[in-house]
C-alpha atoms as a PDB file:
ATOM      1  CA  MET A   1     161.538   2.344 199.186  1.00  0.00           C
ATOM      2  CA  THR A   2     158.794   3.877 201.282  1.00  0.00           C
ATOM      3  CA  MET A   3     155.767   5.584 199.823  1.00  0.00           C
ATOM      4  CA  ALA A   4     157.186   8.921 201.034  1.00  0.00           C
ATOM      5  CA  GLU A   5     160.095   8.467 198.649  1.00  0.00           C
ATOM      6  CA  ILE A   6     158.100   7.818 195.480  1.00  0.00           C
ATOM      7  CA  SER A   7     158.824  10.191 192.624  1.00  0.00           C
ATOM      8  CA  ILE A   8     156.099  11.528 190.376  1.00  0.00           C
ATOM      9  CA  LYS A   9     157.358   9.244 187.608  1.00  0.00           C
ATOM     10  CA  GLU A  10     157.178   6.234 189.923  1.00  0.00           C
ATOM     11  CA  ALA A  11     153.670   7.242 191.021  1.00  0.00           C
ATOM     12  CA  GLN A  12     152.617   7.334 187.380  1.00  0.00           C
ATOM     13  CA  GLY A  13     154.025   3.831 186.920  1.00  0.00           C
ATOM     14  CA  LEU A  14     152.362   2.456 190.055  1.00  0.00           C
ATOM     15  CA  VAL A  15     148.976   3.852 189.061  1.00  0.00           C
ATOM     16  CA  ASP A  16     149.360   2.504 185.531  1.00  0.00           C
ATOM     17  CA  GLU A  17     150.290  -0.947 186.836  1.00  0.00           C
ATOM     18  CA  TRP A  18     147.308  -0.988 189.216  1.00  0.00           C
ATOM     19  CA  ILE A  19     144.879   0.185 186.519  1.00  0.00           C
ATOM     20  CA  LYS A  20     146.094  -2.448 184.065  1.00  0.00           C
ATOM     21  CA  THR A  21     146.334  -5.396 186.479  1.00  0.00           C
ATOM     22  CA  ILE A  22     143.587  -4.790 189.047  1.00  0.00           C
ATOM     23  CA  GLY A  23     141.480  -1.842 187.955  1.00  0.00           C
ATOM     24  CA  GLY A  24     140.237  -3.304 184.686  1.00  0.00           C
ATOM     25  CA  GLY A  25     141.635  -0.521 182.513  1.00  0.00           C
ATOM     26  CA  TYR A  26     141.323   3.235 182.347  1.00  0.00           C
ATOM     27  CA  PHE A  27     138.001   5.015 182.184  1.00  0.00           C
ATOM     28  CA  SER A  28     137.730   7.311 179.169  1.00  0.00           C
ATOM     29  CA  GLU A  29     139.381  10.698 179.466  1.00  0.00           C
ATOM     30  CA  LEU A  30     135.980  12.362 179.630  1.00  0.00           C
ATOM     31  CA  THR A  31     134.831  10.051 182.414  1.00  0.00           C
ATOM     32  CA  ASN A  32     138.056  10.661 184.325  1.00  0.00           C
ATOM     33  CA  MET A  33     137.525  14.403 183.962  1.00  0.00           C
ATOM     34  CA  ALA A  34     134.082  13.970 185.510  1.00  0.00           C
ATOM     35  CA  VAL A  35     135.575  11.799 188.278  1.00  0.00           C
ATOM     36  CA  LEU A  36     138.219  14.475 188.910  1.00  0.00           C
ATOM     37  CA  THR A  37     135.489  17.090 189.227  1.00  0.00           C
ATOM     38  CA  GLU A  38     133.681  14.853 191.714  1.00  0.00           C
ATOM     39  CA  GLU A  39     136.856  14.309 193.747  1.00  0.00           C
ATOM     40  CA  VAL A  40     137.632  18.045 193.810  1.00  0.00           C
ATOM     41  CA  GLY A  41     134.093  18.616 195.100  1.00  0.00           C
ATOM     42  CA  GLU A  42     134.681  16.123 197.905  1.00  0.00           C
ATOM     43  CA  LEU A  43     137.937  17.903 198.737  1.00  0.00           C
ATOM     44  CA  ALA A  44     136.101  21.235 198.742  1.00  0.00           C
ATOM     45  CA  ARG A  45     133.534  19.835 201.171  1.00  0.00           C
ATOM     46  CA  VAL A  46     136.262  18.901 203.663  1.00  0.00           C
ATOM     47  CA  ILE A  47     138.010  22.271 203.279  1.00  0.00           C
ATOM     48  CA  ALA A  48     134.732  24.179 203.743  1.00  0.00           C
ATOM     49  CA  ARG A  49     133.818  22.175 206.848  1.00  0.00           C
ATOM     50  CA  VAL A  50     137.250  22.070 208.485  1.00  0.00           C
ATOM     51  CA  TYR A  51     138.772  25.419 207.466  1.00  0.00           C
ATOM     52  CA  GLY A  52     135.751  27.402 206.357  1.00  0.00           C
ATOM     53  CA  ASP A  53     132.519  28.592 207.875  1.00  0.00           C
ATOM     54  CA  GLN A  54     130.322  25.592 207.119  1.00  0.00           C
ATOM     55  CA  VAL A  55     129.397  23.164 209.863  1.00  0.00           C
ATOM     56  CA  ALA A  56     129.825  19.480 209.070  1.00  0.00           C
ATOM     57  CA  LYS A  57     126.712  17.335 208.800  1.00  0.00           C
ATOM     58  CA  GLU A  58     126.615  13.652 209.685  1.00  0.00           C
ATOM     59  CA  GLY A  59     128.989  11.846 207.311  1.00  0.00           C
ATOM     60  CA  ASP A  60     130.506  14.999 205.757  1.00  0.00           C
ATOM     61  CA  LEU A  61     133.941  14.264 207.154  1.00  0.00           C
ATOM     62  CA  ARG A  62     133.905  10.516 206.662  1.00  0.00           C
ATOM     63  CA  LYS A  63     137.048  10.948 204.617  1.00  0.00           C
ATOM     64  CA  GLY A  64     139.722  13.380 205.700  1.00  0.00           C
ATOM     65  CA  LEU A  65     141.771  15.985 203.917  1.00  0.00           C
ATOM     66  CA  ALA A  66     144.699  13.667 203.171  1.00  0.00           C
ATOM     67  CA  GLU A  67     142.476  11.025 201.625  1.00  0.00           C
ATOM     68  CA  GLU A  68     140.643  13.552 199.461  1.00  0.00           C
ATOM     69  CA  LEU A  69     143.910  15.117 198.265  1.00  0.00           C
ATOM     70  CA  ALA A  70     145.217  11.648 197.410  1.00  0.00           C
ATOM     71  CA  ASP A  71     142.020  10.861 195.486  1.00  0.00           C
ATOM     72  CA  VAL A  72     142.475  14.034 193.416  1.00  0.00           C
ATOM     73  CA  MET A  73     146.127  13.143 192.808  1.00  0.00           C
ATOM     74  CA  TRP A  74     145.160   9.617 191.704  1.00  0.00           C
ATOM     75  CA  VAL A  75     142.769  10.874 189.029  1.00  0.00           C
ATOM     76  CA  VAL A  76     145.235  13.531 187.828  1.00  0.00           C
ATOM     77  CA  VAL A  77     147.845  10.786 187.432  1.00  0.00           C
ATOM     78  CA  CYS A  78     145.313   8.647 185.536  1.00  0.00           C
ATOM     79  CA  LEU A  79     144.580  11.502 183.139  1.00  0.00           C
ATOM     80  CA  ALA A  80     148.297  12.146 182.639  1.00  0.00           C
ATOM     81  CA  ASN A  81     148.996   8.478 181.979  1.00  0.00           C
ATOM     82  CA  GLN A  82     146.237   7.977 179.473  1.00  0.00           C
ATOM     83  CA  THR A  83     147.078  11.173 177.558  1.00  0.00           C
ATOM     84  CA  GLY A  84     150.849  10.616 177.523  1.00  0.00           C
ATOM     85  CA  VAL A  85     151.781  13.493 179.840  1.00  0.00           C
ATOM     86  CA  ASP A  86     155.017  13.179 181.803  1.00  0.00           C
ATOM     87  CA  LEU A  87     153.967  14.899 185.037  1.00  0.00           C
ATOM     88  CA  THR A  88     157.565  15.327 186.184  1.00  0.00           C
ATOM     89  CA  ALA A  89     158.453  17.309 183.066  1.00  0.00           C
ATOM     90  CA  ALA A  90     155.156  19.205 183.191  1.00  0.00           C
ATOM     91  CA  PHE A  91     155.650  20.130 186.849  1.00  0.00           C
ATOM     92  CA  GLU A  92     159.251  21.226 186.233  1.00  0.00           C
ATOM     93  CA  ALA A  93     158.075  23.436 183.342  1.00  0.00           C
ATOM     94  CA  SER A  94     155.304  24.918 185.492  1.00  0.00           C
ATOM     95  CA  LEU A  95     157.717  25.628 188.319  1.00  0.00           C
ATOM     96  CA  GLU A  96     160.185  27.290 185.970  1.00  0.00           C
ATOM     97  CA  LYS A  97     157.394  29.405 184.463  1.00  0.00           C
ATOM     98  CA  LYS A  98     156.376  30.585 187.927  1.00  0.00           C
ATOM     99  CA  ARG A  99     159.984  31.247 188.940  1.00  0.00           C
ATOM    100  CA  SER A 100     160.609  33.480 185.953  1.00  0.00           C
ATOM    101  CA  ARG A 101     157.191  35.105 185.591  1.00  0.00           C
ATOM    102  CA  ASP A 102     156.502  35.741 189.260  1.00  0.00           C
ATOM    103  CA  LYS A 103     159.981  36.298 190.720  1.00  0.00           C
ATOM    104  CA  ASN A 104     159.128  39.865 191.776  1.00  0.00           C
ATOM    105  CA  ARG A 105     155.358  39.620 191.859  1.00  0.00           C
ATOM    106  CA  PHE A 106     154.796  39.106 195.575  1.00  0.00           C
ATOM    107  CA  LYS A 107     157.468  41.386 197.033  1.00  0.00           C
END
């Protein structure tokens, strides 16, 4: 299996295994929420510098878009794991909600 073929459920398992065997355990939910906010800010910095009107300063683009998106995904998976959320089921429900609610919205 390549990383490109990992399901959301498998990603949740891989993150959980890493946290429990290497990472020393989960941060508290509140701390992870703060970390998520920090990671989203770093993602916003890249978007603003690459796709927006801001000009990058020295070191602003040390990490790229893909890495920042992956960092956000990592923390979201951590929060899901530690709160018992099945992200596959949650994503399927969200997609279905959008399909039914918004089916004619953008025509």
